[in-house]
Amino acid sequence: RVVSLGGATEGSIWSIYYPVDYVDPEWKSIPYGKPLANQT
């Protein structure tokens, strides 16, 4: 399973995640995702 993660260094490693279960042929980028636990 491929997971996209992101966030500033100040956010403690990562702040957001997006499991890439499917790639839409129309996508120009992987969706940014949603917050990890206790993060906004």
Full PDB file with SEQRES, HELIX, SHEET, SSBOND, CRYST1, ORIGX, SCALE, CONECT and MASTER records, all heavy atoms in Angstrom:
SEQRES   1 A   40  ARG VAL VAL SER LEU GLY GLY ALA THR GLU GLY SER ILE          
SEQRES   2 A   40  TRP SER ILE TYR TYR PRO VAL ASP TYR VAL ASP PRO GLU          
SEQRES   3 A   40  TRP LYS SER ILE PRO TYR GLY LYS PRO LEU ALA ASN GLN          
SEQRES   4 A   40  THR                                                          
HELIX    1 AA1 THR A    9  GLY A   11  5                                   3    
SHEET    1 AA1 2 VAL A   3  GLY A   6  0                                        
SHEET    2 AA1 2 ILE A  16  PRO A  19 -1                                        
CRYST1    1.000    1.000    1.000  90.00  90.00  90.00 P 1           1          
ORIGX1      1.000000  0.000000  0.000000        0.00000                         
ORIGX2      0.000000  1.000000  0.000000        0.00000                         
ORIGX3      0.000000  0.000000  1.000000        0.00000                         
SCALE1      1.000000  0.000000  0.000000        0.00000                         
SCALE2      0.000000  1.000000  0.000000        0.00000                         
SCALE3      0.000000  0.000000  1.000000        0.00000                         
ATOM      1  N   ARG A   1       0.883  -1.167   0.000  1.00  0.00           N  
ATOM      2  CA  ARG A   1       0.000   0.000   0.000  1.00  0.00           C  
ATOM      3  C   ARG A   1       0.917   1.213   0.000  1.00  0.00           C  
ATOM      4  O   ARG A   1       1.910   1.271   0.746  1.00  0.00           O  
ATOM      5  CB  ARG A   1      -0.899  -0.013   1.226  1.00  0.00           C  
ATOM      6  CG  ARG A   1      -0.137  -0.088   2.515  1.00  0.00           C  
ATOM      7  CD  ARG A   1      -0.986  -0.475   3.691  1.00  0.00           C  
ATOM      8  NE  ARG A   1      -0.142  -0.983   4.761  1.00  0.00           N  
ATOM      9  CZ  ARG A   1      -0.604  -1.432   5.909  1.00  0.00           C  
ATOM     10  NH1 ARG A   1      -1.895  -1.443   6.137  1.00  0.00           N  
ATOM     11  NH2 ARG A   1       0.216  -1.884   6.825  1.00  0.00           N  
ATOM     12  N   VAL A   2       0.604   2.168  -0.835  1.00  0.00           N  
ATOM     13  CA  VAL A   2       1.431   3.369  -0.980  1.00  0.00           C  
ATOM     14  C   VAL A   2       0.739   4.516  -0.249  1.00  0.00           C  
ATOM     15  O   VAL A   2      -0.463   4.753  -0.444  1.00  0.00           O  
ATOM     16  CB  VAL A   2       1.645   3.722  -2.463  1.00  0.00           C  
ATOM     17  CG1 VAL A   2       2.475   4.990  -2.595  1.00  0.00           C  
ATOM     18  CG2 VAL A   2       2.312   2.557  -3.190  1.00  0.00           C  
ATOM     19  N   VAL A   3       1.497   5.217   0.587  1.00  0.00           N  
ATOM     20  CA  VAL A   3       0.934   6.296   1.387  1.00  0.00           C  
ATOM     21  C   VAL A   3       1.735   7.571   1.157  1.00  0.00           C  
ATOM     22  O   VAL A   3       2.960   7.579   1.269  1.00  0.00           O  
ATOM     23  CB  VAL A   3       0.944   5.958   2.886  1.00  0.00           C  
ATOM     24  CG1 VAL A   3       0.248   7.057   3.691  1.00  0.00           C  
ATOM     25  CG2 VAL A   3       0.304   4.605   3.148  1.00  0.00           C  
ATOM     26  N   SER A   4       1.032   8.642   0.804  1.00  0.00           N  
ATOM     27  CA  SER A   4       1.643   9.958   0.701  1.00  0.00           C  
ATOM     28  C   SER A   4       1.534  10.650   2.057  1.00  0.00           C  
ATOM     29  O   SER A   4       0.470  10.637   2.684  1.00  0.00           O  
ATOM     30  CB  SER A   4       0.914  10.784  -0.363  1.00  0.00           C  
ATOM     31  OG  SER A   4       1.307  12.136  -0.294  1.00  0.00           O  
ATOM     32  N   LEU A   5       2.645  11.226   2.509  1.00  0.00           N  
ATOM     33  CA  LEU A   5       2.671  11.939   3.784  1.00  0.00           C  
ATOM     34  C   LEU A   5       3.303  13.306   3.577  1.00  0.00           C  
ATOM     35  O   LEU A   5       4.032  13.527   2.613  1.00  0.00           O  
ATOM     36  CB  LEU A   5       3.473  11.156   4.827  1.00  0.00           C  
ATOM     37  CG  LEU A   5       2.869   9.800   5.224  1.00  0.00           C  
ATOM     38  CD1 LEU A   5       3.956   8.754   5.347  1.00  0.00           C  
ATOM     39  CD2 LEU A   5       2.102   9.917   6.526  1.00  0.00           C  
ATOM     40  N   GLY A   6       3.023  14.228   4.484  1.00  0.00           N  
ATOM     41  CA  GLY A   6       3.604  15.560   4.348  1.00  0.00           C  
ATOM     42  C   GLY A   6       3.482  16.361   5.621  1.00  0.00           C  
ATOM     43  O   GLY A   6       2.919  15.894   6.610  1.00  0.00           O  
ATOM     44  N   GLY A   7       4.018  17.559   5.565  1.00  0.00           N  
ATOM     45  CA  GLY A   7       3.957  18.434   6.724  1.00  0.00           C  
ATOM     46  C   GLY A   7       5.301  19.068   6.994  1.00  0.00           C  
ATOM     47  O   GLY A   7       6.341  18.528   6.615  1.00  0.00           O  
ATOM     48  N   ALA A   8       5.284  20.190   7.663  1.00  0.00           N  
ATOM     49  CA  ALA A   8       6.529  20.895   7.982  1.00  0.00           C  
ATOM     50  C   ALA A   8       7.315  20.147   9.049  1.00  0.00           C  
ATOM     51  O   ALA A   8       6.753  19.396   9.850  1.00  0.00           O  
ATOM     52  CB  ALA A   8       6.200  22.302   8.478  1.00  0.00           C  
ATOM     53  N   THR A   9       8.628  20.355   9.049  1.00  0.00           N  
ATOM     54  CA  THR A   9       9.487  19.748  10.063  1.00  0.00           C  
ATOM     55  C   THR A   9       8.982  20.066  11.471  1.00  0.00           C  
ATOM     56  O   THR A   9       9.042  19.233  12.373  1.00  0.00           O  
ATOM     57  CB  THR A   9      10.936  20.261   9.898  1.00  0.00           C  
ATOM     58  OG1 THR A   9      11.423  19.854   8.623  1.00  0.00           O  
ATOM     59  CG2 THR A   9      11.855  19.709  10.973  1.00  0.00           C  
ATOM     60  N   GLU A  10       8.459  21.281  11.651  1.00  0.00           N  
ATOM     61  CA  GLU A  10       7.945  21.685  12.969  1.00  0.00           C  
ATOM     62  C   GLU A  10       6.747  20.853  13.407  1.00  0.00           C  
ATOM     63  O   GLU A  10       6.405  20.837  14.585  1.00  0.00           O  
ATOM     64  CB  GLU A  10       7.530  23.170  12.933  1.00  0.00           C  
ATOM     65  CG  GLU A  10       8.668  24.146  12.762  1.00  0.00           C  
ATOM     66  CD  GLU A  10       9.082  24.372  11.304  1.00  0.00           C  
ATOM     67  OE1 GLU A  10       8.629  23.607  10.410  1.00  0.00           O  
ATOM     68  OE2 GLU A  10       9.854  25.297  11.060  1.00  0.00           O  
ATOM     69  N   GLY A  11       6.114  20.167  12.456  1.00  0.00           N  
ATOM     70  CA  GLY A  11       4.933  19.367  12.770  1.00  0.00           C  
ATOM     71  C   GLY A  11       5.249  17.980  13.281  1.00  0.00           C  
ATOM     72  O   GLY A  11       4.357  17.159  13.420  1.00  0.00           O  
ATOM     73  N   SER A  12       6.507  17.708  13.554  1.00  0.00           N  
ATOM     74  CA  SER A  12       6.938  16.413  14.071  1.00  0.00           C  
ATOM     75  C   SER A  12       6.787  15.320  13.017  1.00  0.00           C  
ATOM     76  O   SER A  12       5.818  14.558  13.015  1.00  0.00           O  
ATOM     77  CB  SER A  12       6.173  16.040  15.346  1.00  0.00           C  
ATOM     78  OG  SER A  12       6.629  14.803  15.835  1.00  0.00           O  
ATOM     79  N   ILE A  13       7.736  15.269  12.122  1.00  0.00           N  
ATOM     80  CA  ILE A  13       7.866  14.306  11.028  1.00  0.00           C  
ATOM     81  C   ILE A  13       6.811  14.573   9.959  1.00  0.00           C  
ATOM     82  O   ILE A  13       7.127  15.020   8.869  1.00  0.00           O  
ATOM     83  CB  ILE A  13       7.799  12.829  11.494  1.00  0.00           C  
ATOM     84  CG1 ILE A  13       8.624  12.610  12.764  1.00  0.00           C  
ATOM     85  CG2 ILE A  13       8.292  11.913  10.367  1.00  0.00           C  
ATOM     86  CD1 ILE A  13       8.485  11.212  13.369  1.00  0.00           C  
ATOM     87  N   TRP A  14       5.541  14.239  10.265  1.00  0.00           N  
ATOM     88  CA  TRP A  14       4.459  14.458   9.304  1.00  0.00           C  
ATOM     89  C   TRP A  14       3.232  15.037  10.003  1.00  0.00           C  
ATOM     90  O   TRP A  14       3.046  14.858  11.206  1.00  0.00           O  
ATOM     91  CB  TRP A  14       4.038  13.135   8.649  1.00  0.00           C  
ATOM     92  CG  TRP A  14       5.134  12.389   7.970  1.00  0.00           C  
ATOM     93  CD1 TRP A  14       5.902  12.819   6.922  1.00  0.00           C  
ATOM     94  CD2 TRP A  14       5.587  11.062   8.276  1.00  0.00           C  
ATOM     95  NE1 TRP A  14       6.799  11.844   6.557  1.00  0.00           N  
ATOM     96  CE2 TRP A  14       6.627  10.757   7.361  1.00  0.00           C  
ATOM     97  CE3 TRP A  14       5.218  10.096   9.203  1.00  0.00           C  
ATOM     98  CZ2 TRP A  14       7.306   9.535   7.369  1.00  0.00           C  
ATOM     99  CZ3 TRP A  14       5.884   8.887   9.224  1.00  0.00           C  
ATOM    100  CH2 TRP A  14       6.913   8.615   8.307  1.00  0.00           C  
ATOM    101  N   SER A  15       2.388  15.682   9.209  1.00  0.00           N  
ATOM    102  CA  SER A  15       1.130  16.215   9.738  1.00  0.00           C  
ATOM    103  C   SER A  15      -0.090  15.675   8.992  1.00  0.00           C  
ATOM    104  O   SER A  15      -1.191  15.694   9.527  1.00  0.00           O  
ATOM    105  CB  SER A  15       1.115  17.747   9.622  1.00  0.00           C  
ATOM    106  OG  SER A  15       2.202  18.311  10.310  1.00  0.00           O  
ATOM    107  N   ILE A  16       0.113  15.239   7.743  1.00  0.00           N  
ATOM    108  CA  ILE A  16      -1.017  14.783   6.934  1.00  0.00           C  
ATOM    109  C   ILE A  16      -0.665  13.468   6.236  1.00  0.00           C  
ATOM    110  O   ILE A  16       0.500  13.112   6.100  1.00  0.00           O  
ATOM    111  CB  ILE A  16      -1.440  15.832   5.877  1.00  0.00           C  
ATOM    112  CG1 ILE A  16      -0.247  16.190   4.967  1.00  0.00           C  
ATOM    113  CG2 ILE A  16      -1.981  17.087   6.523  1.00  0.00           C  
ATOM    114  CD1 ILE A  16      -0.133  15.418   3.711  1.00  0.00           C  
ATOM    115  N   TYR A  17      -1.718  12.747   5.804  1.00  0.00           N  
ATOM    116  CA  TYR A  17      -1.482  11.491   5.089  1.00  0.00           C  
ATOM    117  C   TYR A  17      -2.572  11.279   4.053  1.00  0.00           C  
ATOM    118  O   TYR A  17      -3.690  11.774   4.185  1.00  0.00           O  
ATOM    119  CB  TYR A  17      -1.430  10.313   6.065  1.00  0.00           C  
ATOM    120  CG  TYR A  17      -2.787   9.873   6.577  1.00  0.00           C  
ATOM    121  CD1 TYR A  17      -3.374   8.693   6.131  1.00  0.00           C  
ATOM    122  CD2 TYR A  17      -3.488  10.644   7.515  1.00  0.00           C  
ATOM    123  CE1 TYR A  17      -4.618   8.291   6.595  1.00  0.00           C  
ATOM    124  CE2 TYR A  17      -4.724  10.248   7.984  1.00  0.00           C  
ATOM    125  CZ  TYR A  17      -5.295   9.069   7.515  1.00  0.00           C  
ATOM    126  OH  TYR A  17      -6.532   8.678   7.971  1.00  0.00           O  
ATOM    127  N   TYR A  18      -2.221  10.515   3.019  1.00  0.00           N  
ATOM    128  CA  TYR A  18      -3.196  10.146   1.996  1.00  0.00           C  
ATOM    129  C   TYR A  18      -2.830   8.773   1.439  1.00  0.00           C  
ATOM    130  O   TYR A  18      -1.831   8.629   0.732  1.00  0.00           O  
ATOM    131  CB  TYR A  18      -3.234  11.167   0.854  1.00  0.00           C  
ATOM    132  CG  TYR A  18      -4.285  10.831  -0.198  1.00  0.00           C  
ATOM    133  CD1 TYR A  18      -5.607  11.208  -0.019  1.00  0.00           C  
ATOM    134  CD2 TYR A  18      -3.946  10.108  -1.347  1.00  0.00           C  
ATOM    135  CE1 TYR A  18      -6.580  10.877  -0.957  1.00  0.00           C  
ATOM    136  CE2 TYR A  18      -4.908   9.779  -2.297  1.00  0.00           C  
ATOM    137  CZ  TYR A  18      -6.224  10.169  -2.093  1.00  0.00           C  
ATOM    138  OH  TYR A  18      -7.184   9.841  -3.021  1.00  0.00           O  
ATOM    139  N   PRO A  19      -3.617   7.738   1.767  1.00  0.00           N  
ATOM    140  CA  PRO A  19      -3.368   6.415   1.183  1.00  0.00           C  
ATOM    141  C   PRO A  19      -3.717   6.445  -0.316  1.00  0.00           C  
ATOM    142  O   PRO A  19      -4.838   6.791  -0.685  1.00  0.00           O  
ATOM    143  CB  PRO A  19      -4.329   5.491   1.945  1.00  0.00           C  
ATOM    144  CG  PRO A  19      -4.737   6.269   3.162  1.00  0.00           C  
ATOM    145  CD  PRO A  19      -4.698   7.704   2.750  1.00  0.00           C  
ATOM    146  N   VAL A  20      -2.751   6.104  -1.157  1.00  0.00           N  
ATOM    147  CA  VAL A  20      -2.962   6.165  -2.601  1.00  0.00           C  
ATOM    148  C   VAL A  20      -3.469   4.805  -3.084  1.00  0.00           C  
ATOM    149  O   VAL A  20      -2.714   3.978  -3.603  1.00  0.00           O  
ATOM    150  CB  VAL A  20      -1.672   6.565  -3.343  1.00  0.00           C  
ATOM    151  CG1 VAL A  20      -1.980   6.866  -4.814  1.00  0.00           C  
ATOM    152  CG2 VAL A  20      -1.021   7.767  -2.689  1.00  0.00           C  
ATOM    153  N   ASP A  21      -4.750   4.569  -2.901  1.00  0.00           N  
ATOM    154  CA  ASP A  21      -5.346   3.294  -3.312  1.00  0.00           C  
ATOM    155  C   ASP A  21      -5.633   3.269  -4.807  1.00  0.00           C  
ATOM    156  O   ASP A  21      -5.713   2.203  -5.418  1.00  0.00           O  
ATOM    157  CB  ASP A  21      -6.646   3.049  -2.530  1.00  0.00           C  
ATOM    158  CG  ASP A  21      -6.398   2.978  -1.033  1.00  0.00           C  
ATOM    159  OD1 ASP A  21      -5.364   2.402  -0.642  1.00  0.00           O  
ATOM    160  OD2 ASP A  21      -7.208   3.516  -0.264  1.00  0.00           O  
ATOM    161  N   TYR A  22      -5.795   4.449  -5.378  1.00  0.00           N  
ATOM    162  CA  TYR A  22      -6.163   4.559  -6.794  1.00  0.00           C  
ATOM    163  C   TYR A  22      -5.623   5.874  -7.337  1.00  0.00           C  
ATOM    164  O   TYR A  22      -5.639   6.894  -6.648  1.00  0.00           O  
ATOM    165  CB  TYR A  22      -7.695   4.523  -6.927  1.00  0.00           C  
ATOM    166  CG  TYR A  22      -8.208   4.927  -8.288  1.00  0.00           C  
ATOM    167  CD1 TYR A  22      -8.148   4.042  -9.370  1.00  0.00           C  
ATOM    168  CD2 TYR A  22      -8.756   6.192  -8.498  1.00  0.00           C  
ATOM    169  CE1 TYR A  22      -8.620   4.427 -10.627  1.00  0.00           C  
ATOM    170  CE2 TYR A  22      -9.238   6.575  -9.737  1.00  0.00           C  
ATOM    171  CZ  TYR A  22      -9.164   5.683 -10.805  1.00  0.00           C  
ATOM    172  OH  TYR A  22      -9.622   6.051 -12.045  1.00  0.00           O  
ATOM    173  N   VAL A  23      -5.089   5.843  -8.556  1.00  0.00           N  
ATOM    174  CA  VAL A  23      -4.603   7.068  -9.196  1.00  0.00           C  
ATOM    175  C   VAL A  23      -5.501   7.388 -10.382  1.00  0.00           C  
ATOM    176  O   VAL A  23      -5.566   6.632 -11.360  1.00  0.00           O  
ATOM    177  CB  VAL A  23      -3.145   6.910  -9.672  1.00  0.00           C  
ATOM    178  CG1 VAL A  23      -2.697   8.168 -10.409  1.00  0.00           C  
ATOM    179  CG2 VAL A  23      -2.225   6.628  -8.493  1.00  0.00           C  
ATOM    180  N   ASP A  24      -6.215   8.482 -10.270  1.00  0.00           N  
ATOM    181  CA  ASP A  24      -7.090   8.928 -11.356  1.00  0.00           C  
ATOM    182  C   ASP A  24      -6.229   9.424 -12.521  1.00  0.00           C  
ATOM    183  O   ASP A  24      -5.320  10.236 -12.313  1.00  0.00           O  
ATOM    184  CB  ASP A  24      -7.989  10.062 -10.849  1.00  0.00           C  
ATOM    185  CG  ASP A  24      -9.095  10.418 -11.824  1.00  0.00           C  
ATOM    186  OD1 ASP A  24      -8.792  10.561 -13.033  1.00  0.00           O  
ATOM    187  OD2 ASP A  24     -10.242  10.570 -11.389  1.00  0.00           O  
ATOM    188  N   PRO A  25      -6.471   8.938 -13.740  1.00  0.00           N  
ATOM    189  CA  PRO A  25      -5.678   9.385 -14.900  1.00  0.00           C  
ATOM    190  C   PRO A  25      -5.715  10.902 -15.113  1.00  0.00           C  
ATOM    191  O   PRO A  25      -4.821  11.462 -15.748  1.00  0.00           O  
ATOM    192  CB  PRO A  25      -6.337   8.657 -16.076  1.00  0.00           C  
ATOM    193  CG  PRO A  25      -7.025   7.481 -15.468  1.00  0.00           C  
ATOM    194  CD  PRO A  25      -7.463   7.917 -14.110  1.00  0.00           C  
ATOM    195  N   GLU A  26      -6.733  11.564 -14.567  1.00  0.00           N  
ATOM    196  CA  GLU A  26      -6.862  13.008 -14.731  1.00  0.00           C  
ATOM    197  C   GLU A  26      -6.060  13.806 -13.699  1.00  0.00           C  
ATOM    198  O   GLU A  26      -5.921  15.024 -13.815  1.00  0.00           O  
ATOM    199  CB  GLU A  26      -8.343  13.415 -14.637  1.00  0.00           C  
ATOM    200  CG  GLU A  26      -9.238  12.758 -15.677  1.00  0.00           C  
ATOM    201  CD  GLU A  26      -8.832  13.151 -17.092  1.00  0.00           C  
ATOM    202  OE1 GLU A  26      -8.558  14.347 -17.317  1.00  0.00           O  
ATOM    203  OE2 GLU A  26      -8.762  12.255 -17.952  1.00  0.00           O  
ATOM    204  N   TRP A  27      -5.563  13.114 -12.657  1.00  0.00           N  
ATOM    205  CA  TRP A  27      -4.846  13.833 -11.605  1.00  0.00           C  
ATOM    206  C   TRP A  27      -3.580  14.489 -12.129  1.00  0.00           C  
ATOM    207  O   TRP A  27      -2.828  13.900 -12.906  1.00  0.00           O  
ATOM    208  CB  TRP A  27      -4.465  12.877 -10.474  1.00  0.00           C  
ATOM    209  CG  TRP A  27      -5.589  12.508  -9.565  1.00  0.00           C  
ATOM    210  CD1 TRP A  27      -6.854  12.983  -9.590  1.00  0.00           C  
ATOM    211  CD2 TRP A  27      -5.521  11.554  -8.501  1.00  0.00           C  
ATOM    212  NE1 TRP A  27      -7.604  12.401  -8.594  1.00  0.00           N  
ATOM    213  CE2 TRP A  27      -6.803  11.513  -7.902  1.00  0.00           C  
ATOM    214  CE3 TRP A  27      -4.529  10.732  -7.979  1.00  0.00           C  
ATOM    215  CZ2 TRP A  27      -7.102  10.690  -6.831  1.00  0.00           C  
ATOM    216  CZ3 TRP A  27      -4.822   9.902  -6.907  1.00  0.00           C  
ATOM    217  CH2 TRP A  27      -6.098   9.890  -6.336  1.00  0.00           C  
ATOM    218  N   LYS A  28      -3.323  15.713 -11.664  1.00  0.00           N  
ATOM    219  CA  LYS A  28      -2.058  16.386 -11.954  1.00  0.00           C  
ATOM    220  C   LYS A  28      -1.088  16.230 -10.785  1.00  0.00           C  
ATOM    221  O   LYS A  28       0.099  16.500 -10.909  1.00  0.00           O  
ATOM    222  CB  LYS A  28      -2.314  17.866 -12.232  1.00  0.00           C  
ATOM    223  CG  LYS A  28      -3.317  18.137 -13.341  1.00  0.00           C  
ATOM    224  CD  LYS A  28      -2.716  19.064 -14.385  1.00  0.00           C  
ATOM    225  CE  LYS A  28      -3.727  19.419 -15.464  1.00  0.00           C  
ATOM    226  NZ  LYS A  28      -3.891  18.345 -16.426  1.00  0.00           N  
ATOM    227  N   SER A  29      -1.599  15.808  -9.635  1.00  0.00           N  
ATOM    228  CA  SER A  29      -0.764  15.550  -8.459  1.00  0.00           C  
ATOM    229  C   SER A  29      -1.522  14.619  -7.513  1.00  0.00           C  
ATOM    230  O   SER A  29      -2.739  14.453  -7.640  1.00  0.00           O  
ATOM    231  CB  SER A  29      -0.409  16.851  -7.737  1.00  0.00           C  
ATOM    232  OG  SER A  29      -1.587  17.465  -7.239  1.00  0.00           O  
ATOM    233  N   ILE A  30      -0.800  14.001  -6.593  1.00  0.00           N  
ATOM    234  CA  ILE A  30      -1.427  13.158  -5.571  1.00  0.00           C  
ATOM    235  C   ILE A  30      -2.129  14.074  -4.568  1.00  0.00           C  
ATOM    236  O   ILE A  30      -1.551  15.087  -4.143  1.00  0.00           O  
ATOM    237  CB  ILE A  30      -0.361  12.309  -4.849  1.00  0.00           C  
ATOM    238  CG1 ILE A  30       0.422  11.449  -5.849  1.00  0.00           C  
ATOM    239  CG2 ILE A  30      -1.009  11.445  -3.774  1.00  0.00           C  
ATOM    240  CD1 ILE A  30      -0.404  10.447  -6.612  1.00  0.00           C  
ATOM    241  N   PRO A  31      -3.378  13.797  -4.175  1.00  0.00           N  
ATOM    242  CA  PRO A  31      -4.077  14.647  -3.202  1.00  0.00           C  
ATOM    243  C   PRO A  31      -3.260  14.834  -1.920  1.00  0.00           C  
ATOM    244  O   PRO A  31      -2.539  13.927  -1.501  1.00  0.00           O  
ATOM    245  CB  PRO A  31      -5.372  13.873  -2.930  1.00  0.00           C  
ATOM    246  CG  PRO A  31      -5.599  13.082  -4.191  1.00  0.00           C  
ATOM    247  CD  PRO A  31      -4.231  12.698  -4.668  1.00  0.00           C  
ATOM    248  N   TYR A  32      -3.401  16.007  -1.340  1.00  0.00           N  
ATOM    249  CA  TYR A  32      -2.587  16.348  -0.170  1.00  0.00           C  
ATOM    250  C   TYR A  32      -2.937  15.484   1.035  1.00  0.00           C  
ATOM    251  O   TYR A  32      -2.071  15.111   1.807  1.00  0.00           O  
ATOM    252  CB  TYR A  32      -2.745  17.828   0.168  1.00  0.00           C  
ATOM    253  CG  TYR A  32      -1.695  18.326   1.133  1.00  0.00           C  
ATOM    254  CD1 TYR A  32      -0.336  18.218   0.827  1.00  0.00           C  
ATOM    255  CD2 TYR A  32      -2.047  18.899   2.345  1.00  0.00           C  
ATOM    256  CE1 TYR A  32       0.640  18.666   1.699  1.00  0.00           C  
ATOM    257  CE2 TYR A  32      -1.073  19.368   3.227  1.00  0.00           C  
ATOM    258  CZ  TYR A  32       0.266  19.241   2.906  1.00  0.00           C  
ATOM    259  OH  TYR A  32       1.229  19.692   3.774  1.00  0.00           O  
ATOM    260  N   GLY A  33      -4.211  15.179   1.223  1.00  0.00           N  
ATOM    261  CA  GLY A  33      -4.580  14.288   2.328  1.00  0.00           C  
ATOM    262  C   GLY A  33      -5.284  14.994   3.453  1.00  0.00           C  
ATOM    263  O   GLY A  33      -5.781  16.116   3.315  1.00  0.00           O  
ATOM    264  N   LYS A  34      -5.319  14.309   4.595  1.00  0.00           N  
ATOM    265  CA  LYS A  34      -6.018  14.847   5.763  1.00  0.00           C  
ATOM    266  C   LYS A  34      -5.122  14.744   6.995  1.00  0.00           C  
ATOM    267  O   LYS A  34      -4.147  13.983   6.995  1.00  0.00           O  
ATOM    268  CB  LYS A  34      -7.336  14.115   5.972  1.00  0.00           C  
ATOM    269  CG  LYS A  34      -7.227  12.612   6.036  1.00  0.00           C  
ATOM    270  CD  LYS A  34      -8.626  11.993   6.038  1.00  0.00           C  
ATOM    271  CE  LYS A  34      -8.531  10.461   6.044  1.00  0.00           C  
ATOM    272  NZ  LYS A  34      -9.864   9.826   6.007  1.00  0.00           N  
ATOM    273  N   PRO A  35      -5.463  15.458   8.074  1.00  0.00           N  
ATOM    274  CA  PRO A  35      -4.570  15.510   9.232  1.00  0.00           C  
ATOM    275  C   PRO A  35      -4.399  14.169   9.943  1.00  0.00           C  
ATOM    276  O   PRO A  35      -5.338  13.356  10.013  1.00  0.00           O  
ATOM    277  CB  PRO A  35      -5.248  16.526  10.162  1.00  0.00           C  
ATOM    278  CG  PRO A  35      -6.148  17.309   9.301  1.00  0.00           C  
ATOM    279  CD  PRO A  35      -6.608  16.376   8.218  1.00  0.00           C  
ATOM    280  N   LEU A  36      -3.214  13.957  10.462  1.00  0.00           N  
ATOM    281  CA  LEU A  36      -2.970  12.825  11.360  1.00  0.00           C  
ATOM    282  C   LEU A  36      -3.604  13.135  12.726  1.00  0.00           C  
ATOM    283  O   LEU A  36      -4.060  14.254  12.966  1.00  0.00           O  
ATOM    284  CB  LEU A  36      -1.473  12.605  11.515  1.00  0.00           C  
ATOM    285  CG  LEU A  36      -0.758  12.052  10.272  1.00  0.00           C  
ATOM    286  CD1 LEU A  36       0.751  12.208  10.405  1.00  0.00           C  
ATOM    287  CD2 LEU A  36      -1.130  10.590  10.040  1.00  0.00           C  
ATOM    288  N   ALA A  37      -3.619  12.150  13.584  1.00  0.00           N  
ATOM    289  CA  ALA A  37      -4.268  12.294  14.896  1.00  0.00           C  
ATOM    290  C   ALA A  37      -3.707  13.475  15.672  1.00  0.00           C  
ATOM    291  O   ALA A  37      -2.500  13.707  15.706  1.00  0.00           O  
ATOM    292  CB  ALA A  37      -4.078  11.007  15.708  1.00  0.00           C  
ATOM    293  N   ASN A  38      -4.612  14.229  16.292  1.00  0.00           N  
ATOM    294  CA  ASN A  38      -4.264  15.372  17.148  1.00  0.00           C  
ATOM    295  C   ASN A  38      -3.506  16.472  16.402  1.00  0.00           C  
ATOM    296  O   ASN A  38      -2.795  17.267  17.011  1.00  0.00           O  
ATOM    297  CB  ASN A  38      -3.409  14.898  18.351  1.00  0.00           C  
ATOM    298  CG  ASN A  38      -4.124  13.834  19.147  1.00  0.00           C  
ATOM    299  OD1 ASN A  38      -5.283  13.963  19.485  1.00  0.00           O  
ATOM    300  ND2 ASN A  38      -3.417  12.745  19.439  1.00  0.00           N  
ATOM    301  N   GLN A  39      -3.692  16.512  15.090  1.00  0.00           N  
ATOM    302  CA  GLN A  39      -3.101  17.581  14.289  1.00  0.00           C  
ATOM    303  C   GLN A  39      -4.197  18.217  13.448  1.00  0.00           C  
ATOM    304  O   GLN A  39      -5.215  17.596  13.176  1.00  0.00           O  
ATOM    305  CB  GLN A  39      -1.978  17.035  13.408  1.00  0.00           C  
ATOM    306  CG  GLN A  39      -0.889  16.298  14.198  1.00  0.00           C  
ATOM    307  CD  GLN A  39       0.426  16.246  13.471  1.00  0.00           C  
ATOM    308  OE1 GLN A  39       0.939  17.262  13.017  1.00  0.00           O  
ATOM    309  NE2 GLN A  39       0.992  15.056  13.382  1.00  0.00           N  
ATOM    310  N   THR A  40      -3.970  19.452  13.047  1.00  0.00           N  
ATOM    311  CA  THR A  40      -4.998  20.156  12.269  1.00  0.00           C  
ATOM    312  C   THR A  40      -4.383  20.750  11.020  1.00  0.00           C  
ATOM    313  O   THR A  40      -3.159  20.958  10.958  1.00  0.00           O  
ATOM    314  CB  THR A  40      -5.628  21.301  13.090  1.00  0.00           C  
ATOM    315  OG1 THR A  40      -4.586  22.174  13.549  1.00  0.00           O  
ATOM    316  CG2 THR A  40      -6.375  20.749  14.289  1.00  0.00           C  
TER     317      THR A  40                                                      
MASTER        0    0    0    1    2    0    0    6  316    1    0    4          
END                                                                             
